[in-house]
Amino acid sequence: MKLNEKITLVSGSPRRKQILEEAGFTIIIRPTDTDESFDPSENLYKVPEILARRKVEAALPQAGIIIGADTVVIVEGEILNKPSDYEEAFTMLKKLSGKTHEVVTGVCISDPNGIHTISDCTKVHFKTLEDAEIDYYIKNYKPFDKAGSYGVQDFIGMAGIEKIDGSFYTVMGLPIHLIYSQLKPFITWEENK
């Protein structure tokens, strides 16, 4: 597989980088410093696309393909963004405990054909978490860079998630199946010799 355009990922997320590289893409990392605030009256499910687009637009003009992404956790009509400290992380995980929430990852892709935004939503079912489990997780994994205060691939995801309806990668921060579909027109296949 060979991509005919260079890809710039405007995110410092090691998880997004890992997903793209494991899917076979070579990328350049160039995070943009953008405002991640949003209008609370905005449709909650559109917020990740708006923020992802803001990140990509901050990197323009630039040649090739630019990918930006943003992930939010939605529970009971409220967005749980990244926690600022231990107390906020603990409160967020208590809100998720024993409930089903949604993880929405929005992606913006700038390519030679224009700028496109897409998003994917996955439902995540958490078992009831004990306070000691939450405390252990926050102190040892420091999830302050993660929407909803958790990483699906970390201890709390392993121990607490009972079921996922949708893409695991969307919860991890990048719906790679949607990105692959968007990038497919720029891929050529090399025959094995």
N, C-alpha and C. Protein backbone atom coordinates (compact mmCIF):
# COMPACT_ATOMS: atom_id res chain seq x y z
N MET A 1 0.84 -1.18 0.00
CA MET A 1 0.00 0.00 0.00
C MET A 1 0.89 1.24 0.00
N LYS A 2 0.58 2.16 -0.89
CA LYS A 2 1.36 3.40 -0.97
C LYS A 2 0.38 4.56 -1.10
N LEU A 3 0.55 5.55 -0.24
CA LEU A 3 -0.27 6.75 -0.30
C LEU A 3 0.45 7.76 -1.17
N ASN A 4 -0.27 8.35 -2.11
CA ASN A 4 0.35 9.27 -3.06
C ASN A 4 0.48 10.70 -2.53
N GLU A 5 0.08 10.93 -1.32
CA GLU A 5 0.19 12.24 -0.68
C GLU A 5 0.80 12.05 0.71
N LYS A 6 1.54 13.05 1.20
CA LYS A 6 2.05 12.95 2.56
C LYS A 6 0.90 13.28 3.53
N ILE A 7 0.93 12.65 4.71
CA ILE A 7 -0.09 12.90 5.72
C ILE A 7 0.53 13.66 6.88
N THR A 8 -0.12 14.75 7.26
CA THR A 8 0.26 15.47 8.47
C THR A 8 -0.86 15.30 9.48
N LEU A 9 -0.51 14.79 10.66
CA LEU A 9 -1.47 14.64 11.74
C LEU A 9 -1.31 15.83 12.67
N VAL A 10 -2.37 16.65 12.79
CA VAL A 10 -2.28 17.84 13.63
C VAL A 10 -2.79 17.51 15.05
N SER A 11 -2.12 16.53 15.64
CA SER A 11 -2.47 16.06 16.98
C SER A 11 -1.22 15.52 17.64
N GLY A 12 -1.09 15.78 18.92
CA GLY A 12 0.04 15.23 19.67
C GLY A 12 -0.30 13.90 20.33
N SER A 13 -1.48 13.37 20.04
CA SER A 13 -1.93 12.13 20.68
C SER A 13 -1.11 10.93 20.22
N PRO A 14 -0.43 10.26 21.16
CA PRO A 14 0.32 9.06 20.77
C PRO A 14 -0.60 7.94 20.29
N ARG A 15 -1.84 7.93 20.77
CA ARG A 15 -2.78 6.88 20.35
C ARG A 15 -3.19 7.07 18.89
N ARG A 16 -3.44 8.32 18.49
CA ARG A 16 -3.82 8.56 17.09
C ARG A 16 -2.66 8.23 16.15
N LYS A 17 -1.47 8.61 16.56
CA LYS A 17 -0.27 8.29 15.77
C LYS A 17 -0.14 6.77 15.62
N GLN A 18 -0.30 6.05 16.73
CA GLN A 18 -0.18 4.58 16.73
C GLN A 18 -1.21 3.94 15.79
N ILE A 19 -2.45 4.41 15.85
CA ILE A 19 -3.50 3.83 15.01
C ILE A 19 -3.18 4.03 13.53
N LEU A 20 -2.80 5.24 13.15
CA LEU A 20 -2.49 5.51 11.74
C LEU A 20 -1.29 4.68 11.26
N GLU A 21 -0.25 4.60 12.09
CA GLU A 21 0.94 3.83 11.70
C GLU A 21 0.63 2.34 11.63
N GLU A 22 -0.17 1.84 12.56
CA GLU A 22 -0.51 0.41 12.52
C GLU A 22 -1.41 0.08 11.33
N ALA A 23 -2.11 1.09 10.81
CA ALA A 23 -2.92 0.89 9.61
C ALA A 23 -2.09 0.97 8.33
N GLY A 24 -0.78 1.26 8.48
CA GLY A 24 0.12 1.26 7.33
C GLY A 24 0.47 2.62 6.77
N PHE A 25 0.06 3.69 7.44
CA PHE A 25 0.33 5.03 6.93
C PHE A 25 1.59 5.62 7.57
N THR A 26 2.35 6.34 6.74
CA THR A 26 3.50 7.09 7.24
C THR A 26 3.02 8.52 7.46
N ILE A 27 3.28 9.05 8.65
CA ILE A 27 2.74 10.37 8.97
C ILE A 27 3.79 11.30 9.53
N ILE A 28 3.49 12.58 9.42
CA ILE A 28 4.28 13.64 10.05
C ILE A 28 3.41 14.19 11.17
N ILE A 29 3.97 14.36 12.35
CA ILE A 29 3.23 14.91 13.48
C ILE A 29 3.51 16.40 13.59
N ARG A 30 2.44 17.20 13.54
CA ARG A 30 2.59 18.64 13.69
C ARG A 30 1.36 19.19 14.42
N PRO A 31 1.33 19.04 15.75
CA PRO A 31 0.15 19.50 16.49
C PRO A 31 -0.07 21.00 16.32
N THR A 32 -1.33 21.40 16.29
CA THR A 32 -1.66 22.82 16.23
C THR A 32 -2.17 23.24 17.61
N ASP A 33 -1.91 24.47 17.96
CA ASP A 33 -2.36 24.99 19.25
C ASP A 33 -3.66 25.74 18.99
N THR A 34 -4.79 25.08 19.26
CA THR A 34 -6.09 25.70 18.98
C THR A 34 -6.97 25.72 20.22
N ASP A 35 -7.90 26.63 20.20
CA ASP A 35 -8.88 26.77 21.26
C ASP A 35 -9.85 25.58 21.20
N GLU A 36 -9.99 24.85 22.30
CA GLU A 36 -10.88 23.70 22.30
C GLU A 36 -12.19 23.99 23.04
N SER A 37 -12.49 25.27 23.24
CA SER A 37 -13.77 25.61 23.86
C SER A 37 -14.87 25.49 22.81
N PHE A 38 -16.11 25.36 23.27
CA PHE A 38 -17.22 25.24 22.33
C PHE A 38 -18.46 25.86 22.95
N ASP A 39 -19.39 26.21 22.09
CA ASP A 39 -20.65 26.80 22.51
C ASP A 39 -21.51 25.70 23.14
N PRO A 40 -21.89 25.83 24.42
CA PRO A 40 -22.67 24.78 25.08
C PRO A 40 -24.04 24.52 24.43
N SER A 41 -24.53 25.49 23.61
CA SER A 41 -25.82 25.27 22.94
C SER A 41 -25.66 24.47 21.65
N GLU A 42 -24.40 24.23 21.25
CA GLU A 42 -24.10 23.46 20.03
C GLU A 42 -24.58 22.01 20.20
N ASN A 43 -24.98 21.39 19.10
CA ASN A 43 -25.33 19.97 19.11
C ASN A 43 -24.11 19.18 19.63
N LEU A 44 -24.29 18.45 20.73
CA LEU A 44 -23.17 17.74 21.37
C LEU A 44 -22.44 16.82 20.41
N TYR A 45 -23.17 16.21 19.49
CA TYR A 45 -22.58 15.23 18.58
C TYR A 45 -21.79 15.89 17.45
N LYS A 46 -21.95 17.21 17.27
CA LYS A 46 -21.21 17.94 16.24
C LYS A 46 -19.94 18.60 16.80
N VAL A 47 -19.84 18.73 18.12
CA VAL A 47 -18.69 19.41 18.74
C VAL A 47 -17.36 18.80 18.30
N PRO A 48 -17.20 17.46 18.29
CA PRO A 48 -15.89 16.92 17.88
C PRO A 48 -15.50 17.29 16.44
N GLU A 49 -16.48 17.34 15.52
CA GLU A 49 -16.18 17.74 14.14
C GLU A 49 -15.75 19.20 14.08
N ILE A 50 -16.44 20.05 14.84
CA ILE A 50 -16.11 21.49 14.86
C ILE A 50 -14.69 21.69 15.36
N LEU A 51 -14.33 21.00 16.45
CA LEU A 51 -12.99 21.15 17.03
C LEU A 51 -11.92 20.55 16.11
N ALA A 52 -12.23 19.42 15.47
CA ALA A 52 -11.27 18.80 14.54
C ALA A 52 -11.02 19.74 13.35
N ARG A 53 -12.08 20.35 12.84
CA ARG A 53 -11.93 21.27 11.71
C ARG A 53 -11.09 22.48 12.11
N ARG A 54 -11.31 22.98 13.32
CA ARG A 54 -10.54 24.13 13.81
C ARG A 54 -9.04 23.79 13.81
N LYS A 55 -8.70 22.57 14.21
CA LYS A 55 -7.29 22.15 14.25
C LYS A 55 -6.69 22.09 12.84
N VAL A 56 -7.45 21.56 11.90
CA VAL A 56 -6.96 21.46 10.51
C VAL A 56 -6.82 22.84 9.90
N GLU A 57 -7.80 23.70 10.09
CA GLU A 57 -7.74 25.04 9.51
C GLU A 57 -6.56 25.84 10.05
N ALA A 58 -6.15 25.56 11.30
CA ALA A 58 -4.99 26.25 11.88
C ALA A 58 -3.69 25.83 11.18
N ALA A 59 -3.70 24.67 10.50
CA ALA A 59 -2.50 24.17 9.82
C ALA A 59 -2.44 24.60 8.36
N LEU A 60 -3.51 25.15 7.83
CA LEU A 60 -3.55 25.55 6.42
C LEU A 60 -2.84 26.89 6.22
N PRO A 61 -2.31 27.21 5.02
CA PRO A 61 -2.25 26.31 3.86
C PRO A 61 -1.05 25.36 3.97
N GLN A 62 -1.25 24.16 3.61
CA GLN A 62 -0.18 23.17 3.65
C GLN A 62 -0.50 22.10 2.62
N ALA A 63 0.51 21.61 1.96
CA ALA A 63 0.31 20.60 0.91
C ALA A 63 0.02 19.23 1.53
N GLY A 64 -0.54 18.37 0.71
CA GLY A 64 -0.78 17.00 1.13
C GLY A 64 -2.08 16.85 1.89
N ILE A 65 -2.14 15.82 2.71
CA ILE A 65 -3.34 15.50 3.48
C ILE A 65 -3.09 15.89 4.93
N ILE A 66 -4.05 16.60 5.50
CA ILE A 66 -3.97 16.99 6.91
C ILE A 66 -5.13 16.32 7.63
N ILE A 67 -4.83 15.69 8.76
CA ILE A 67 -5.86 15.03 9.55
C ILE A 67 -5.88 15.63 10.95
N GLY A 68 -7.07 16.03 11.38
CA GLY A 68 -7.28 16.50 12.75
C GLY A 68 -8.41 15.70 13.35
N ALA A 69 -8.40 15.53 14.66
CA ALA A 69 -9.45 14.75 15.32
C ALA A 69 -9.70 15.30 16.71
N ASP A 70 -10.90 15.04 17.19
CA ASP A 70 -11.25 15.40 18.56
C ASP A 70 -12.26 14.37 19.07
N THR A 71 -12.13 14.02 20.34
CA THR A 71 -13.00 13.01 20.95
C THR A 71 -13.68 13.60 22.16
N VAL A 72 -14.99 13.32 22.29
CA VAL A 72 -15.71 13.69 23.50
C VAL A 72 -16.47 12.48 24.03
N VAL A 73 -16.72 12.52 25.33
CA VAL A 73 -17.53 11.51 25.99
C VAL A 73 -18.83 12.19 26.38
N ILE A 74 -19.96 11.57 26.04
CA ILE A 74 -21.27 12.14 26.35
C ILE A 74 -22.02 11.17 27.27
N VAL A 75 -22.43 11.67 28.42
CA VAL A 75 -23.22 10.87 29.35
C VAL A 75 -24.36 11.74 29.88
N GLU A 76 -25.56 11.21 29.79
CA GLU A 76 -26.76 11.90 30.27
C GLU A 76 -26.85 13.35 29.76
N GLY A 77 -26.56 13.53 28.46
CA GLY A 77 -26.69 14.84 27.84
C GLY A 77 -25.60 15.84 28.17
N GLU A 78 -24.49 15.36 28.73
CA GLU A 78 -23.38 16.24 29.12
C GLU A 78 -22.08 15.75 28.50
N ILE A 79 -21.28 16.71 28.00
CA ILE A 79 -19.96 16.36 27.48
C ILE A 79 -18.97 16.33 28.64
N LEU A 80 -18.24 15.23 28.74
CA LEU A 80 -17.14 15.13 29.68
C LEU A 80 -15.87 15.28 28.86
N ASN A 81 -15.18 16.39 29.04
CA ASN A 81 -13.96 16.64 28.29
C ASN A 81 -12.77 16.13 29.08
N LYS A 82 -11.62 16.72 28.90
CA LYS A 82 -10.42 16.29 29.63
C LYS A 82 -10.48 16.87 31.06
N PRO A 83 -10.17 16.06 32.06
CA PRO A 83 -10.21 16.58 33.43
C PRO A 83 -9.00 17.46 33.72
N SER A 84 -9.18 18.43 34.59
CA SER A 84 -8.08 19.33 34.92
C SER A 84 -7.26 18.84 36.12
N ASP A 85 -7.86 17.97 36.95
CA ASP A 85 -7.15 17.50 38.14
C ASP A 85 -7.75 16.19 38.64
N TYR A 86 -7.20 15.68 39.73
CA TYR A 86 -7.63 14.40 40.31
C TYR A 86 -9.13 14.44 40.63
N GLU A 87 -9.58 15.49 41.30
CA GLU A 87 -10.98 15.56 41.74
C GLU A 87 -11.94 15.52 40.55
N GLU A 88 -11.60 16.26 39.51
CA GLU A 88 -12.48 16.27 38.33
C GLU A 88 -12.48 14.91 37.64
N ALA A 89 -11.32 14.26 37.56
CA ALA A 89 -11.24 12.92 36.97
C ALA A 89 -12.08 11.93 37.78
N PHE A 90 -11.99 12.01 39.09
CA PHE A 90 -12.75 11.11 39.96
C PHE A 90 -14.25 11.32 39.75
N THR A 91 -14.66 12.58 39.71
CA THR A 91 -16.08 12.90 39.50
C THR A 91 -16.58 12.36 38.17
N MET A 92 -15.77 12.52 37.12
CA MET A 92 -16.16 12.03 35.80
C MET A 92 -16.33 10.51 35.79
N LEU A 93 -15.37 9.81 36.37
CA LEU A 93 -15.45 8.34 36.37
C LEU A 93 -16.62 7.84 37.21
N LYS A 94 -16.96 8.57 38.27
CA LYS A 94 -18.15 8.21 39.07
C LYS A 94 -19.42 8.39 38.22
N LYS A 95 -19.45 9.41 37.36
CA LYS A 95 -20.60 9.64 36.49
C LYS A 95 -20.74 8.51 35.47
N LEU A 96 -19.61 7.96 35.03
CA LEU A 96 -19.64 6.89 34.02
C LEU A 96 -19.91 5.52 34.64
N SER A 97 -19.60 5.37 35.92
CA SER A 97 -19.72 4.09 36.61
C SER A 97 -21.15 3.53 36.56
N GLY A 98 -21.26 2.29 36.10
CA GLY A 98 -22.54 1.60 36.06
C GLY A 98 -23.49 2.09 34.99
N LYS A 99 -23.00 2.88 34.04
CA LYS A 99 -23.87 3.45 33.01
C LYS A 99 -23.32 3.19 31.61
N THR A 100 -24.17 3.50 30.65
CA THR A 100 -23.77 3.48 29.24
C THR A 100 -23.55 4.93 28.81
N HIS A 101 -22.43 5.17 28.15
CA HIS A 101 -22.17 6.50 27.62
C HIS A 101 -21.78 6.38 26.16
N GLU A 102 -21.65 7.52 25.50
CA GLU A 102 -21.27 7.53 24.09
C GLU A 102 -19.94 8.25 23.93
N VAL A 103 -19.12 7.70 23.06
CA VAL A 103 -17.86 8.34 22.70
C VAL A 103 -17.99 8.76 21.24
N VAL A 104 -17.82 10.05 20.99
CA VAL A 104 -17.91 10.56 19.63
C VAL A 104 -16.55 11.12 19.25
N THR A 105 -16.00 10.60 18.14
CA THR A 105 -14.75 11.14 17.61
C THR A 105 -15.05 11.78 16.26
N GLY A 106 -14.73 13.06 16.19
CA GLY A 106 -14.88 13.79 14.94
C GLY A 106 -13.53 13.90 14.26
N VAL A 107 -13.55 13.81 12.94
CA VAL A 107 -12.32 13.88 12.15
C VAL A 107 -12.51 14.90 11.04
N CYS A 108 -11.48 15.68 10.81
CA CYS A 108 -11.47 16.59 9.67
C CYS A 108 -10.26 16.22 8.82
N ILE A 109 -10.50 16.08 7.52
CA ILE A 109 -9.43 15.74 6.59
C ILE A 109 -9.39 16.78 5.48
N SER A 110 -8.23 17.41 5.32
CA SER A 110 -8.00 18.30 4.19
C SER A 110 -7.16 17.52 3.19
N ASP A 111 -7.67 17.38 1.97
CA ASP A 111 -6.93 16.67 0.92
C ASP A 111 -7.07 17.46 -0.37
N PRO A 112 -6.45 17.03 -1.47
CA PRO A 112 -6.52 17.79 -2.72
C PRO A 112 -7.95 18.03 -3.23
N ASN A 113 -8.92 17.28 -2.71
CA ASN A 113 -10.32 17.45 -3.15
C ASN A 113 -11.13 18.38 -2.25
N GLY A 114 -10.53 18.88 -1.17
CA GLY A 114 -11.26 19.79 -0.29
C GLY A 114 -11.12 19.41 1.18
N ILE A 115 -12.00 19.97 1.99
CA ILE A 115 -12.00 19.70 3.43
C ILE A 115 -13.28 18.92 3.77
N HIS A 116 -13.12 17.81 4.46
CA HIS A 116 -14.24 16.94 4.79
C HIS A 116 -14.27 16.71 6.30
N THR A 117 -15.46 16.69 6.89
CA THR A 117 -15.58 16.32 8.30
C THR A 117 -16.50 15.11 8.41
N ILE A 118 -16.11 14.21 9.29
CA ILE A 118 -16.88 13.00 9.55
C ILE A 118 -16.80 12.71 11.04
N SER A 119 -17.73 11.93 11.53
CA SER A 119 -17.63 11.52 12.93
C SER A 119 -18.22 10.13 13.10
N ASP A 120 -17.87 9.52 14.21
CA ASP A 120 -18.36 8.19 14.53
C ASP A 120 -18.72 8.16 16.01
N CYS A 121 -19.78 7.43 16.33
CA CYS A 121 -20.26 7.34 17.71
C CYS A 121 -20.29 5.89 18.15
N THR A 122 -19.71 5.62 19.31
CA THR A 122 -19.68 4.27 19.88
C THR A 122 -20.27 4.31 21.28
N LYS A 123 -21.10 3.33 21.59
CA LYS A 123 -21.67 3.21 22.94
C LYS A 123 -20.78 2.32 23.79
N VAL A 124 -20.50 2.79 25.00
CA VAL A 124 -19.63 2.06 25.92
C VAL A 124 -20.40 1.78 27.21
N HIS A 125 -20.41 0.51 27.62
CA HIS A 125 -21.13 0.10 28.83
C HIS A 125 -20.12 -0.18 29.94
N PHE A 126 -20.18 0.63 31.00
CA PHE A 126 -19.28 0.46 32.15
C PHE A 126 -19.97 -0.32 33.25
N LYS A 127 -19.25 -1.21 33.89
CA LYS A 127 -19.75 -1.84 35.11
C LYS A 127 -19.65 -0.81 36.24
N THR A 128 -20.21 -1.13 37.38
CA THR A 128 -20.08 -0.23 38.53
C THR A 128 -18.64 -0.31 39.04
N LEU A 129 -18.00 0.86 39.11
CA LEU A 129 -16.60 0.92 39.53
C LEU A 129 -16.53 1.22 41.02
N GLU A 130 -15.61 0.55 41.69
CA GLU A 130 -15.39 0.83 43.11
C GLU A 130 -14.51 2.08 43.22
N ASP A 131 -14.69 2.83 44.32
CA ASP A 131 -13.89 4.03 44.53
C ASP A 131 -12.40 3.70 44.52
N ALA A 132 -12.02 2.54 45.08
CA ALA A 132 -10.61 2.15 45.12
C ALA A 132 -10.06 1.92 43.72
N GLU A 133 -10.88 1.37 42.82
CA GLU A 133 -10.45 1.15 41.43
C GLU A 133 -10.23 2.48 40.72
N ILE A 134 -11.15 3.42 40.95
CA ILE A 134 -11.03 4.74 40.33
C ILE A 134 -9.78 5.46 40.85
N ASP A 135 -9.60 5.42 42.16
CA ASP A 135 -8.44 6.06 42.79
C ASP A 135 -7.12 5.47 42.25
N TYR A 136 -7.05 4.14 42.20
CA TYR A 136 -5.86 3.46 41.67
C TYR A 136 -5.58 3.89 40.24
N TYR A 137 -6.64 3.92 39.43
CA TYR A 137 -6.48 4.27 38.02
C TYR A 137 -5.95 5.69 37.85
N ILE A 138 -6.57 6.63 38.52
CA ILE A 138 -6.16 8.03 38.36
C ILE A 138 -4.72 8.23 38.84
N LYS A 139 -4.39 7.65 39.98
CA LYS A 139 -3.04 7.85 40.53
C LYS A 139 -1.96 7.19 39.69
N ASN A 140 -2.29 6.06 39.05
CA ASN A 140 -1.27 5.32 38.30
C ASN A 140 -1.25 5.62 36.81
N TYR A 141 -2.39 6.03 36.25
CA TYR A 141 -2.46 6.25 34.79
C TYR A 141 -2.60 7.72 34.41
N LYS A 142 -2.91 8.58 35.38
CA LYS A 142 -2.99 10.03 35.17
C LYS A 142 -3.71 10.38 33.85
N PRO A 143 -5.01 10.12 33.78
CA PRO A 143 -5.76 10.28 32.52
C PRO A 143 -6.19 11.72 32.23
N PHE A 144 -5.30 12.69 32.47
CA PHE A 144 -5.68 14.09 32.34
C PHE A 144 -5.68 14.59 30.89
N ASP A 145 -5.21 13.75 29.97
CA ASP A 145 -5.23 14.13 28.55
C ASP A 145 -6.31 13.36 27.79
N LYS A 146 -7.23 12.73 28.55
CA LYS A 146 -8.23 11.87 27.91
C LYS A 146 -9.65 12.36 28.18
N ALA A 147 -10.44 12.43 27.12
CA ALA A 147 -11.86 12.79 27.27
C ALA A 147 -12.53 11.78 28.19
N GLY A 148 -13.32 12.28 29.13
CA GLY A 148 -14.01 11.39 30.05
C GLY A 148 -13.13 10.77 31.11
N SER A 149 -11.87 11.14 31.14
CA SER A 149 -10.89 10.68 32.15
C SER A 149 -10.50 9.21 32.03
N TYR A 150 -10.63 8.64 30.82
CA TYR A 150 -10.16 7.25 30.72
C TYR A 150 -9.70 6.91 29.32
N GLY A 151 -8.83 5.92 29.27
CA GLY A 151 -8.40 5.35 28.00
C GLY A 151 -8.94 3.93 27.91
N VAL A 152 -9.58 3.61 26.81
CA VAL A 152 -10.17 2.29 26.63
C VAL A 152 -9.11 1.18 26.74
N GLN A 153 -7.86 1.52 26.40
CA GLN A 153 -6.78 0.54 26.40
C GLN A 153 -6.07 0.47 27.75
N ASP A 154 -6.48 1.30 28.72
CA ASP A 154 -5.84 1.34 30.03
C ASP A 154 -6.57 0.41 31.02
N PHE A 155 -6.06 0.37 32.25
CA PHE A 155 -6.62 -0.48 33.30
C PHE A 155 -8.13 -0.32 33.46
N ILE A 156 -8.61 0.91 33.55
CA ILE A 156 -10.04 1.11 33.83
C ILE A 156 -10.89 0.63 32.66
N GLY A 157 -10.37 0.76 31.44
CA GLY A 157 -11.08 0.22 30.29
C GLY A 157 -11.10 -1.30 30.31
N MET A 158 -9.97 -1.88 30.64
CA MET A 158 -9.88 -3.35 30.70
C MET A 158 -10.76 -3.93 31.81
N ALA A 159 -10.73 -3.29 32.98
CA ALA A 159 -11.45 -3.82 34.14
C ALA A 159 -12.90 -3.36 34.18
N GLY A 160 -13.21 -2.22 33.57
CA GLY A 160 -14.53 -1.64 33.75
C GLY A 160 -15.49 -1.73 32.59
N ILE A 161 -14.99 -1.88 31.37
CA ILE A 161 -15.90 -1.91 30.22
C ILE A 161 -16.45 -3.31 30.01
N GLU A 162 -17.78 -3.40 30.07
CA GLU A 162 -18.44 -4.69 29.87
C GLU A 162 -18.75 -4.96 28.41
N LYS A 163 -19.04 -3.90 27.67
CA LYS A 163 -19.45 -4.08 26.28
C LYS A 163 -19.24 -2.78 25.51
N ILE A 164 -18.91 -2.92 24.22
CA ILE A 164 -18.77 -1.77 23.32
C ILE A 164 -19.65 -2.04 22.10
N ASP A 165 -20.50 -1.07 21.78
CA ASP A 165 -21.32 -1.15 20.56
C ASP A 165 -20.76 -0.13 19.58
N GLY A 166 -19.94 -0.59 18.65
CA GLY A 166 -19.31 0.31 17.69
C GLY A 166 -17.82 0.03 17.61
N SER A 167 -17.08 1.00 17.11
CA SER A 167 -15.66 0.83 16.86
C SER A 167 -14.81 1.09 18.11
N PHE A 168 -13.97 0.12 18.44
CA PHE A 168 -12.99 0.27 19.52
C PHE A 168 -12.09 1.47 19.23
N TYR A 169 -11.71 1.63 17.96
CA TYR A 169 -10.78 2.70 17.58
C TYR A 169 -11.39 4.09 17.72
N THR A 170 -12.71 4.19 17.58
CA THR A 170 -13.38 5.47 17.82
C THR A 170 -13.21 5.86 19.28
N VAL A 171 -13.34 4.88 20.18
CA VAL A 171 -13.17 5.14 21.61
C VAL A 171 -11.71 5.48 21.91
N MET A 172 -10.80 4.86 21.20
CA MET A 172 -9.38 5.12 21.38
C MET A 172 -8.98 6.49 20.84
N GLY A 173 -9.82 7.06 19.97
CA GLY A 173 -9.56 8.42 19.50
C GLY A 173 -9.46 8.63 18.01
N LEU A 174 -9.66 7.57 17.20
CA LEU A 174 -9.56 7.74 15.76
C LEU A 174 -10.34 6.63 15.03
N PRO A 175 -11.47 6.95 14.40
CA PRO A 175 -12.23 5.93 13.66
C PRO A 175 -11.52 5.60 12.34
N ILE A 176 -10.56 4.72 12.42
CA ILE A 176 -9.67 4.45 11.30
C ILE A 176 -10.42 3.91 10.08
N HIS A 177 -11.53 3.21 10.30
CA HIS A 177 -12.29 2.69 9.16
C HIS A 177 -12.84 3.83 8.30
N LEU A 178 -13.25 4.93 8.93
CA LEU A 178 -13.75 6.08 8.17
C LEU A 178 -12.61 6.83 7.48
N ILE A 179 -11.49 6.94 8.18
CA ILE A 179 -10.33 7.63 7.59
C ILE A 179 -9.82 6.85 6.39
N TYR A 180 -9.73 5.54 6.51
CA TYR A 180 -9.28 4.71 5.39
C TYR A 180 -10.18 4.94 4.16
N SER A 181 -11.49 4.98 4.38
CA SER A 181 -12.42 5.21 3.26
C SER A 181 -12.16 6.55 2.59
N GLN A 182 -11.85 7.59 3.39
CA GLN A 182 -11.58 8.92 2.84
C GLN A 182 -10.25 8.96 2.08
N LEU A 183 -9.27 8.17 2.55
CA LEU A 183 -7.94 8.19 1.93
C LEU A 183 -7.81 7.22 0.75
N LYS A 184 -8.76 6.32 0.60
CA LYS A 184 -8.68 5.28 -0.43
C LYS A 184 -8.40 5.82 -1.84
N PRO A 185 -8.99 6.95 -2.25
CA PRO A 185 -8.70 7.46 -3.60
C PRO A 185 -7.22 7.82 -3.82
N PHE A 186 -6.47 8.00 -2.73
CA PHE A 186 -5.06 8.40 -2.85
C PHE A 186 -4.10 7.22 -2.64
N ILE A 187 -4.65 6.01 -2.54
CA ILE A 187 -3.82 4.82 -2.28
C ILE A 187 -3.61 4.05 -3.58
N THR A 188 -2.36 3.62 -3.79
CA THR A 188 -2.08 2.68 -4.88
C THR A 188 -1.53 1.42 -4.25
N TRP A 189 -1.78 0.31 -4.91
CA TRP A 189 -1.33 -0.98 -4.39
C TRP A 189 -0.16 -1.47 -5.20
N GLU A 190 0.90 -1.84 -4.50
CA GLU A 190 2.09 -2.36 -5.16
C GLU A 190 2.04 -3.88 -5.11
N GLU A 191 2.32 -4.50 -6.23
CA GLU A 191 2.30 -5.97 -6.28
C GLU A 191 3.53 -6.53 -5.60
N ASN A 192 3.33 -7.64 -4.89
CA ASN A 192 4.47 -8.35 -4.29
C ASN A 192 5.25 -9.03 -5.40
N LYS A 193 6.56 -8.94 -5.30
CA LYS A 193 7.40 -9.55 -6.34
C LYS A 193 8.07 -10.79 -5.82
